[in-house]
PDB file of N, CA and C in Angstrom:
ATOM      1  N   MET A   1       0.842  -1.176   0.000  1.00  0.00           N
ATOM      2  CA  MET A   1       0.000   0.000   0.000  1.00  0.00           C
ATOM      3  C   MET A   1       0.888   1.241   0.000  1.00  0.00           C
ATOM      4  N   SER A   2       0.622   2.138  -0.875  1.00  0.00           N
ATOM      5  CA  SER A   2       1.447   3.339  -0.947  1.00  0.00           C
ATOM      6  C   SER A   2       1.052   4.311   0.159  1.00  0.00           C
ATOM      7  N   ASN A   3       1.936   5.229   0.439  1.00  0.00           N
ATOM      8  CA  ASN A   3       1.688   6.221   1.482  1.00  0.00           C
ATOM      9  C   ASN A   3       0.486   7.094   1.134  1.00  0.00           C
ATOM     10  N   ASN A   4       0.266   7.328  -0.159  1.00  0.00           N
ATOM     11  CA  ASN A   4      -0.857   8.152  -0.598  1.00  0.00           C
ATOM     12  C   ASN A   4      -2.183   7.481  -0.271  1.00  0.00           C
ATOM     13  N   GLN A   5      -2.277   6.162  -0.481  1.00  0.00           N
ATOM     14  CA  GLN A   5      -3.499   5.443  -0.165  1.00  0.00           C
ATOM     15  C   GLN A   5      -3.728   5.366   1.334  1.00  0.00           C
ATOM     16  N   LYS A   6      -2.668   5.239   2.090  1.00  0.00           N
ATOM     17  CA  LYS A   6      -2.774   5.100   3.529  1.00  0.00           C
ATOM     18  C   LYS A   6      -3.380   6.350   4.169  1.00  0.00           C
ATOM     19  N   ASN A   7      -3.109   7.509   3.635  1.00  0.00           N
ATOM     20  CA  ASN A   7      -3.616   8.769   4.171  1.00  0.00           C
ATOM     21  C   ASN A   7      -4.765   9.293   3.313  1.00  0.00           C
ATOM     22  N   LYS A   8      -5.672   8.402   2.931  1.00  0.00           N
ATOM     23  CA  LYS A   8      -6.784   8.770   2.065  1.00  0.00           C
ATOM     24  C   LYS A   8      -7.725   9.757   2.740  1.00  0.00           C
ATOM     25  N   TYR A   9      -7.933   9.578   4.040  1.00  0.00           N
ATOM     26  CA  TYR A   9      -8.858  10.434   4.770  1.00  0.00           C
ATOM     27  C   TYR A   9      -8.090  11.365   5.692  1.00  0.00           C
ATOM     28  N   PRO A  10      -8.531  12.621   5.793  1.00  0.00           N
ATOM     29  CA  PRO A  10      -7.865  13.547   6.720  1.00  0.00           C
ATOM     30  C   PRO A  10      -8.082  13.114   8.175  1.00  0.00           C
ATOM     31  N   LEU A  11      -7.162  13.478   9.018  1.00  0.00           N
ATOM     32  CA  LEU A  11      -7.213  13.122  10.424  1.00  0.00           C
ATOM     33  C   LEU A  11      -8.511  13.613  11.075  1.00  0.00           C
ATOM     34  N   GLU A  12      -8.947  14.819  10.745  1.00  0.00           N
ATOM     35  CA  GLU A  12     -10.167  15.375  11.327  1.00  0.00           C
ATOM     36  C   GLU A  12     -11.375  14.499  10.985  1.00  0.00           C
ATOM     37  N   PHE A  13     -11.414  13.973   9.749  1.00  0.00           N
ATOM     38  CA  PHE A  13     -12.510  13.101   9.331  1.00  0.00           C
ATOM     39  C   PHE A  13     -12.493  11.815  10.139  1.00  0.00           C
ATOM     40  N   LYS A  14     -11.312  11.258  10.338  1.00  0.00           N
ATOM     41  CA  LYS A  14     -11.190  10.014  11.097  1.00  0.00           C
ATOM     42  C   LYS A  14     -11.668  10.206  12.534  1.00  0.00           C
ATOM     43  N   ILE A  15     -11.220  11.279  13.154  1.00  0.00           N
ATOM     44  CA  ILE A  15     -11.587  11.540  14.547  1.00  0.00           C
ATOM     45  C   ILE A  15     -13.076  11.810  14.674  1.00  0.00           C
ATOM     46  N   SER A  16     -13.616  12.649  13.798  1.00  0.00           N
ATOM     47  CA  SER A  16     -15.045  12.960  13.896  1.00  0.00           C
ATOM     48  C   SER A  16     -15.903  11.747  13.559  1.00  0.00           C
ATOM     49  N   SER A  17     -15.443  10.898  12.651  1.00  0.00           N
ATOM     50  CA  SER A  17     -16.177   9.676  12.323  1.00  0.00           C
ATOM     51  C   SER A  17     -16.198   8.724  13.514  1.00  0.00           C
ATOM     52  N   ALA A  18     -15.063   8.586  14.170  1.00  0.00           N
ATOM     53  CA  ALA A  18     -14.980   7.725  15.354  1.00  0.00           C
ATOM     54  C   ALA A  18     -15.901   8.251  16.449  1.00  0.00           C
ATOM     55  N   GLN A  19     -15.892   9.551  16.662  1.00  0.00           N
ATOM     56  CA  GLN A  19     -16.735  10.149  17.699  1.00  0.00           C
ATOM     57  C   GLN A  19     -18.215   9.995  17.346  1.00  0.00           C
ATOM     58  N   LEU A  20     -18.550  10.174  16.077  1.00  0.00           N
ATOM     59  CA  LEU A  20     -19.935  10.001  15.624  1.00  0.00           C
ATOM     60  C   LEU A  20     -20.406   8.577  15.873  1.00  0.00           C
ATOM     61  N   ALA A  21     -19.579   7.612  15.562  1.00  0.00           N
ATOM     62  CA  ALA A  21     -19.940   6.207  15.752  1.00  0.00           C
ATOM     63  C   ALA A  21     -20.158   5.895  17.226  1.00  0.00           C
ATOM     64  N   VAL A  22     -19.341   6.476  18.078  1.00  0.00           N
ATOM     65  CA  VAL A  22     -19.459   6.225  19.518  1.00  0.00           C
ATOM     66  C   VAL A  22     -20.711   6.904  20.081  1.00  0.00           C
ATOM     67  N   ASP A  23     -20.988   8.115  19.641  1.00  0.00           N
ATOM     68  CA  ASP A  23     -22.119   8.880  20.166  1.00  0.00           C
ATOM     69  C   ASP A  23     -23.460   8.427  19.606  1.00  0.00           C
ATOM     70  N   SER A  24     -23.444   7.810  18.441  1.00  0.00           N
ATOM     71  CA  SER A  24     -24.675   7.421  17.768  1.00  0.00           C
ATOM     72  C   SER A  24     -25.330   6.222  18.442  1.00  0.00           C
ATOM     73  N   ASP A  25     -26.642   6.155  18.332  1.00  0.00           N
ATOM     74  CA  ASP A  25     -27.382   5.011  18.867  1.00  0.00           C
ATOM     75  C   ASP A  25     -27.430   3.862  17.871  1.00  0.00           C
ATOM     76  N   GLN A  26     -27.042   4.137  16.639  1.00  0.00           N
ATOM     77  CA  GLN A  26     -27.097   3.087  15.617  1.00  0.00           C
ATOM     78  C   GLN A  26     -25.820   2.251  15.631  1.00  0.00           C
ATOM     79  N   PRO A  27     -25.882   1.050  15.046  1.00  0.00           N
ATOM     80  CA  PRO A  27     -24.679   0.196  15.009  1.00  0.00           C
ATOM     81  C   PRO A  27     -23.529   0.857  14.255  1.00  0.00           C
ATOM     82  N   ILE A  28     -22.323   0.495  14.629  1.00  0.00           N
ATOM     83  CA  ILE A  28     -21.137   1.068  13.992  1.00  0.00           C
ATOM     84  C   ILE A  28     -21.120   0.749  12.507  1.00  0.00           C
ATOM     85  N   SER A  29     -21.563  -0.452  12.152  1.00  0.00           N
ATOM     86  CA  SER A  29     -21.577  -0.822  10.735  1.00  0.00           C
ATOM     87  C   SER A  29     -22.504   0.092   9.936  1.00  0.00           C
ATOM     88  N   GLN A  30     -23.625   0.503  10.533  1.00  0.00           N
ATOM     89  CA  GLN A  30     -24.549   1.421   9.840  1.00  0.00           C
ATOM     90  C   GLN A  30     -23.912   2.796   9.692  1.00  0.00           C
ATOM     91  N   THR A  31     -23.256   3.258  10.725  1.00  0.00           N
ATOM     92  CA  THR A  31     -22.566   4.551  10.651  1.00  0.00           C
ATOM     93  C   THR A  31     -21.506   4.511   9.561  1.00  0.00           C
ATOM     94  N   ALA A  32     -20.769   3.410   9.478  1.00  0.00           N
ATOM     95  CA  ALA A  32     -19.737   3.261   8.449  1.00  0.00           C
ATOM     96  C   ALA A  32     -20.362   3.314   7.061  1.00  0.00           C
ATOM     97  N   ARG A  33     -21.482   2.612   6.876  1.00  0.00           N
ATOM     98  CA  ARG A  33     -22.161   2.656   5.564  1.00  0.00           C
ATOM     99  C   ARG A  33     -22.592   4.076   5.231  1.00  0.00           C
ATOM    100  N   ASP A  34     -23.153   4.772   6.223  1.00  0.00           N
ATOM    101  CA  ASP A  34     -23.600   6.153   6.002  1.00  0.00           C
ATOM    102  C   ASP A  34     -22.445   7.065   5.602  1.00  0.00           C
ATOM    103  N   LEU A  35     -21.259   6.785   6.152  1.00  0.00           N
ATOM    104  CA  LEU A  35     -20.081   7.594   5.844  1.00  0.00           C
ATOM    105  C   LEU A  35     -19.357   7.135   4.582  1.00  0.00           C
ATOM    106  N   GLY A  36     -19.742   5.957   4.079  1.00  0.00           N
ATOM    107  CA  GLY A  36     -19.111   5.429   2.871  1.00  0.00           C
ATOM    108  C   GLY A  36     -17.743   4.828   3.114  1.00  0.00           C
ATOM    109  N   ILE A  37     -17.551   4.273   4.300  1.00  0.00           N
ATOM    110  CA  ILE A  37     -16.273   3.642   4.622  1.00  0.00           C
ATOM    111  C   ILE A  37     -16.527   2.216   5.098  1.00  0.00           C
ATOM    112  N   ASN A  38     -15.486   1.409   5.110  1.00  0.00           N
ATOM    113  CA  ASN A  38     -15.575   0.032   5.563  1.00  0.00           C
ATOM    114  C   ASN A  38     -15.758   0.011   7.076  1.00  0.00           C
ATOM    115  N   HIS A  39     -16.613  -0.894   7.574  1.00  0.00           N
ATOM    116  CA  HIS A  39     -16.879  -0.930   9.015  1.00  0.00           C
ATOM    117  C   HIS A  39     -15.629  -1.312   9.812  1.00  0.00           C
ATOM    118  N   ASN A  40     -14.760  -2.131   9.236  1.00  0.00           N
ATOM    119  CA  ASN A  40     -13.510  -2.467   9.938  1.00  0.00           C
ATOM    120  C   ASN A  40     -12.610  -1.244  10.079  1.00  0.00           C
ATOM    121  N   THR A  41     -12.615  -0.415   9.047  1.00  0.00           N
ATOM    122  CA  THR A  41     -11.835   0.827   9.096  1.00  0.00           C
ATOM    123  C   THR A  41     -12.345   1.711  10.224  1.00  0.00           C
ATOM    124  N   LEU A  42     -13.669   1.815  10.322  1.00  0.00           N
ATOM    125  CA  LEU A  42     -14.250   2.654  11.374  1.00  0.00           C
ATOM    126  C   LEU A  42     -13.934   2.079  12.758  1.00  0.00           C
ATOM    127  N   HIS A  43     -14.001   0.767  12.907  1.00  0.00           N
ATOM    128  CA  HIS A  43     -13.627   0.150  14.185  1.00  0.00           C
ATOM    129  C   HIS A  43     -12.175   0.483  14.537  1.00  0.00           C
ATOM    130  N   ASN A  44     -11.296   0.435  13.545  1.00  0.00           N
ATOM    131  CA  ASN A  44      -9.882   0.775  13.784  1.00  0.00           C
ATOM    132  C   ASN A  44      -9.734   2.225  14.219  1.00  0.00           C
ATOM    133  N   TRP A  45     -10.476   3.121  13.571  1.00  0.00           N
ATOM    134  CA  TRP A  45     -10.413   4.536  13.934  1.00  0.00           C
ATOM    135  C   TRP A  45     -10.931   4.757  15.343  1.00  0.00           C
ATOM    136  N   ILE A  46     -11.985   4.062  15.699  1.00  0.00           N
ATOM    137  CA  ILE A  46     -12.533   4.201  17.053  1.00  0.00           C
ATOM    138  C   ILE A  46     -11.478   3.772  18.064  1.00  0.00           C
ATOM    139  N   ALA A  47     -10.856   2.638  17.804  1.00  0.00           N
ATOM    140  CA  ALA A  47      -9.820   2.141  18.719  1.00  0.00           C
ATOM    141  C   ALA A  47      -8.641   3.109  18.801  1.00  0.00           C
ATOM    142  N   LYS A  48      -8.312   3.718  17.684  1.00  0.00           N
ATOM    143  CA  LYS A  48      -7.119   4.566  17.633  1.00  0.00           C
ATOM    144  C   LYS A  48      -7.379   5.986  18.135  1.00  0.00           C
ATOM    145  N   TYR A  49      -8.520   6.567  17.791  1.00  0.00           N
ATOM    146  CA  TYR A  49      -8.726   7.995  18.032  1.00  0.00           C
ATOM    147  C   TYR A  49      -9.700   8.322  19.158  1.00  0.00           C
ATOM    148  N   SER A  50     -10.406   7.345  19.668  1.00  0.00           N
ATOM    149  CA  SER A  50     -11.345   7.634  20.746  1.00  0.00           C
ATOM    150  C   SER A  50     -10.644   7.531  22.085  1.00  0.00           C
ATOM    151  N   ASP A  51     -10.952   8.457  22.933  1.00  0.00           N
ATOM    152  CA  ASP A  51     -10.430   8.416  24.292  1.00  0.00           C
ATOM    153  C   ASP A  51     -11.324   7.469  25.070  1.00  0.00           C
ATOM    154  N   LEU A  52     -10.837   6.251  25.322  1.00  0.00           N
ATOM    155  CA  LEU A  52     -11.662   5.217  25.931  1.00  0.00           C
ATOM    156  C   LEU A  52     -12.165   5.620  27.311  1.00  0.00           C
ATOM    157  N   ASP A  53     -11.368   6.343  28.070  1.00  0.00           N
ATOM    158  CA  ASP A  53     -11.826   6.787  29.383  1.00  0.00           C
ATOM    159  C   ASP A  53     -13.015   7.726  29.249  1.00  0.00           C
ATOM    160  N   GLN A  54     -12.934   8.614  28.271  1.00  0.00           N
ATOM    161  CA  GLN A  54     -14.021   9.562  28.052  1.00  0.00           C
ATOM    162  C   GLN A  54     -15.283   8.821  27.630  1.00  0.00           C
ATOM    163  N   ILE A  55     -15.143   7.832  26.769  1.00  0.00           N
ATOM    164  CA  ILE A  55     -16.296   7.054  26.320  1.00  0.00           C
ATOM    165  C   ILE A  55     -16.914   6.318  27.502  1.00  0.00           C
ATOM    166  N   ASN A  56     -16.075   5.684  28.304  1.00  0.00           N
ATOM    167  CA  ASN A  56     -16.570   4.945  29.463  1.00  0.00           C
ATOM    168  C   ASN A  56     -17.245   5.867  30.471  1.00  0.00           C
ATOM    169  N   GLN A  57     -16.674   7.048  30.679  1.00  0.00           N
ATOM    170  CA  GLN A  57     -17.274   8.004  31.604  1.00  0.00           C
ATOM    171  C   GLN A  57     -18.635   8.456  31.097  1.00  0.00           C
ATOM    172  N   LYS A  58     -18.733   8.672  29.791  1.00  0.00           N
ATOM    173  CA  LYS A  58     -20.012   9.100  29.216  1.00  0.00           C
ATOM    174  C   LYS A  58     -21.056   8.001  29.400  1.00  0.00           C
ATOM    175  N   LYS A  59     -20.679   6.761  29.134  1.00  0.00           N
ATOM    176  CA  LYS A  59     -21.612   5.650  29.313  1.00  0.00           C
ATOM    177  C   LYS A  59     -22.029   5.545  30.770  1.00  0.00           C
ATOM    178  N   MET A  60     -21.050   5.690  31.691  1.00  0.00           N
ATOM    179  CA  MET A  60     -21.370   5.601  33.109  1.00  0.00           C
ATOM    180  C   MET A  60     -22.290   6.733  33.528  1.00  0.00           C
ATOM    181  N   SER A  61     -22.065   7.910  33.012  1.00  0.00           N
ATOM    182  CA  SER A  61     -22.911   9.050  33.344  1.00  0.00           C
ATOM    183  C   SER A  61     -24.325   8.828  32.828  1.00  0.00           C
ATOM    184  N   ASN A  62     -24.472   8.254  31.625  1.00  0.00           N
ATOM    185  CA  ASN A  62     -25.798   7.927  31.098  1.00  0.00           C
ATOM    186  C   ASN A  62     -26.456   6.867  31.968  1.00  0.00           C
ATOM    187  N   ASN A  63     -25.688   5.865  32.379  1.00  0.00           N
ATOM    188  CA  ASN A  63     -26.225   4.809  33.232  1.00  0.00           C
ATOM    189  C   ASN A  63     -26.660   5.364  34.583  1.00  0.00           C
ATOM    190  N   LYS A  64     -25.891   6.308  35.132  1.00  0.00           N
ATOM    191  CA  LYS A  64     -26.255   6.910  36.414  1.00  0.00           C
ATOM    192  C   LYS A  64     -27.603   7.599  36.311  1.00  0.00           C
ATOM    193  N   ALA A  65     -27.836   8.308  35.225  1.00  0.00           N
ATOM    194  CA  ALA A  65     -29.115   8.994  35.042  1.00  0.00           C
ATOM    195  C   ALA A  65     -30.261   7.995  34.969  1.00  0.00           C
ATOM    196  N   VAL A  66     -30.042   6.899  34.258  1.00  0.00           N
ATOM    197  CA  VAL A  66     -31.071   5.870  34.138  1.00  0.00           C
ATOM    198  C   VAL A  66     -31.338   5.255  35.507  1.00  0.00           C
ATOM    199  N   TYR A  67     -30.280   4.929  36.238  1.00  0.00           N
ATOM    200  CA  TYR A  67     -30.438   4.334  37.562  1.00  0.00           C
ATOM    201  C   TYR A  67     -31.101   5.304  38.536  1.00  0.00           C
ATOM    202  N   PHE A  68     -30.775   6.569  38.439  1.00  0.00           N
ATOM    203  CA  PHE A  68     -31.378   7.571  39.306  1.00  0.00           C
ATOM    204  C   PHE A  68     -32.878   7.631  39.067  1.00  0.00           C
ATOM    205  N   GLU A  69     -33.288   7.665  37.801  1.00  0.00           N
ATOM    206  CA  GLU A  69     -34.713   7.715  37.470  1.00  0.00           C
ATOM    207  C   GLU A  69     -35.429   6.443  37.924  1.00  0.00           C
ATOM    208  N   GLU A  70     -34.808   5.294  37.727  1.00  0.00           N
ATOM    209  CA  GLU A  70     -35.415   4.038  38.152  1.00  0.00           C
ATOM    210  C   GLU A  70     -35.531   3.989  39.676  1.00  0.00           C
ATOM    211  N   ASN A  71     -34.499   4.443  40.382  1.00  0.00           N
ATOM    212  CA  ASN A  71     -34.521   4.478  41.835  1.00  0.00           C
ATOM    213  C   ASN A  71     -35.649   5.384  42.332  1.00  0.00           C
ATOM    214  N   LYS A  72     -35.809   6.511  41.716  1.00  0.00           N
ATOM    215  CA  LYS A  72     -36.862   7.463  42.070  1.00  0.00           C
ATOM    216  C   LYS A  72     -38.243   6.821  41.887  1.00  0.00           C
ATOM    217  N   ARG A  73     -38.421   6.133  40.769  1.00  0.00           N
ATOM    218  CA  ARG A  73     -39.690   5.470  40.475  1.00  0.00           C
ATOM    219  C   ARG A  73     -39.968   4.359  41.485  1.00  0.00           C
ATOM    220  N   LEU A  74     -38.938   3.573  41.797  1.00  0.00           N
ATOM    221  CA  LEU A  74     -39.107   2.468  42.738  1.00  0.00           C
ATOM    222  C   LEU A  74     -39.416   2.969  44.150  1.00  0.00           C
ATOM    223  N   LYS A  75     -38.831   4.088  44.549  1.00  0.00           N
ATOM    224  CA  LYS A  75     -39.130   4.646  45.869  1.00  0.00           C
ATOM    225  C   LYS A  75     -40.590   5.066  45.964  1.00  0.00           C
ATOM    226  N   LYS A  76     -41.107   5.669  44.902  1.00  0.00           N
ATOM    227  CA  LYS A  76     -42.518   6.054  44.882  1.00  0.00           C
ATOM    228  C   LYS A  76     -43.408   4.822  44.965  1.00  0.00           C
ATOM    229  N   GLU A  77     -43.047   3.809  44.191  1.00  0.00           N
ATOM    230  CA  GLU A  77     -43.825   2.572  44.196  1.00  0.00           C
ATOM    231  C   GLU A  77     -43.788   1.913  45.575  1.00  0.00           C
ATOM    232  N   LEU A  78     -42.637   1.897  46.223  1.00  0.00           N
ATOM    233  CA  LEU A  78     -42.508   1.312  47.551  1.00  0.00           C
ATOM    234  C   LEU A  78     -43.376   2.062  48.560  1.00  0.00           C
ATOM    235  N   ALA A  79     -43.376   3.380  48.484  1.00  0.00           N
ATOM    236  CA  ALA A  79     -44.197   4.169  49.407  1.00  0.00           C
ATOM    237  C   ALA A  79     -45.676   3.836  49.219  1.00  0.00           C
ATOM    238  N   MET A  80     -46.109   3.682  47.978  1.00  0.00           N
ATOM    239  CA  MET A  80     -47.500   3.353  47.709  1.00  0.00           C
ATOM    240  C   MET A  80     -47.839   1.953  48.230  1.00  0.00           C
ATOM    241  N   VAL A  81     -46.963   0.989  48.032  1.00  0.00           N
ATOM    242  CA  VAL A  81     -47.192  -0.373  48.505  1.00  0.00           C
ATOM    243  C   VAL A  81     -47.255  -0.400  50.032  1.00  0.00           C
ATOM    244  N   LYS A  82     -46.412   0.383  50.699  1.00  0.00           N
ATOM    245  CA  LYS A  82     -46.443   0.450  52.166  1.00  0.00           C
ATOM    246  C   LYS A  82     -47.765   1.025  52.650  1.00  0.00           C
ATOM    247  N   GLN A  83     -48.251   2.051  51.965  1.00  0.00           N
ATOM    248  CA  GLN A  83     -49.543   2.628  52.340  1.00  0.00           C
ATOM    249  C   GLN A  83     -50.655   1.598  52.176  1.00  0.00           C
ATOM    250  N   GLU A  84     -50.639   0.868  51.080  1.00  0.00           N
ATOM    251  CA  GLU A  84     -51.650  -0.166  50.853  1.00  0.00           C
ATOM    252  C   GLU A  84     -51.565  -1.239  51.934  1.00  0.00           C
ATOM    253  N   ARG A  85     -50.361  -1.646  52.293  1.00  0.00           N
ATOM    254  CA  ARG A  85     -50.164  -2.646  53.348  1.00  0.00           C
ATOM    255  C   ARG A  85     -50.721  -2.154  54.675  1.00  0.00           C
ATOM    256  N   ASP A  86     -50.417  -0.904  55.001  1.00  0.00           N
ATOM    257  CA  ASP A  86     -50.902  -0.345  56.266  1.00  0.00           C
ATOM    258  C   ASP A  86     -52.430  -0.271  56.282  1.00  0.00           C
ATOM    259  N   LEU A  87     -53.039   0.071  55.160  1.00  0.00           N
ATOM    260  CA  LEU A  87     -54.503   0.113  55.078  1.00  0.00           C
ATOM    261  C   LEU A  87     -55.090  -1.272  55.274  1.00  0.00           C
ATOM    262  N   LEU A  88     -54.476  -2.286  54.670  1.00  0.00           N
ATOM    263  CA  LEU A  88     -54.970  -3.642  54.831  1.00  0.00           C
ATOM    264  C   LEU A  88     -54.817  -4.134  56.277  1.00  0.00           C
ATOM    265  N   LYS A  89     -53.720  -3.761  56.942  1.00  0.00           N
ATOM    266  CA  LYS A  89     -53.517  -4.135  58.336  1.00  0.00           C
ATOM    267  C   LYS A  89     -54.623  -3.519  59.220  1.00  0.00           C
ATOM    268  N   LYS A  90     -54.965  -2.265  58.947  1.00  0.00           N
ATOM    269  CA  LYS A  90     -56.005  -1.598  59.726  1.00  0.00           C
ATOM    270  C   LYS A  90     -57.363  -2.215  59.452  1.00  0.00           C
ATOM    271  N   ALA A  91     -57.609  -2.607  58.216  1.00  0.00           N
ATOM    272  CA  ALA A  91     -58.902  -3.196  57.850  1.00  0.00           C
ATOM    273  C   ALA A  91     -59.087  -4.549  58.530  1.00  0.00           C
ATOM    274  N   VAL A  92     -58.016  -5.315  58.686  1.00  0.00           N
ATOM    275  CA  VAL A  92     -58.083  -6.625  59.313  1.00  0.00           C
ATOM    276  C   VAL A  92     -58.290  -6.488  60.822  1.00  0.00           C
ATOM    277  N   ALA A  93     -57.702  -5.468  61.415  1.00  0.00           N
ATOM    278  CA  ALA A  93     -57.759  -5.283  62.868  1.00  0.00           C
ATOM    279  C   ALA A  93     -59.055  -4.709  63.313  1.00  0.00           C
TER     280      ALA A  93
END
């Protein structure tokens, strides 16, 4: 492979493509098709140009938000179930 072929895409394109693939909700292979590049190439760019710590932190931050909302919902549900239990205890007594 000649040096000219190896540098077919500018560095900015590679980095932004990798970031787009990571941020997107669609599969990496679909993002690669949309960009007109091979999915293996995009996987290589993601591995090379993505800051894995940043990606992991973003995923963890998204997960924290989901867990926070679920925890909030479950606390409300628990309070309602406790009220129902207390009402049933009073009705039996």
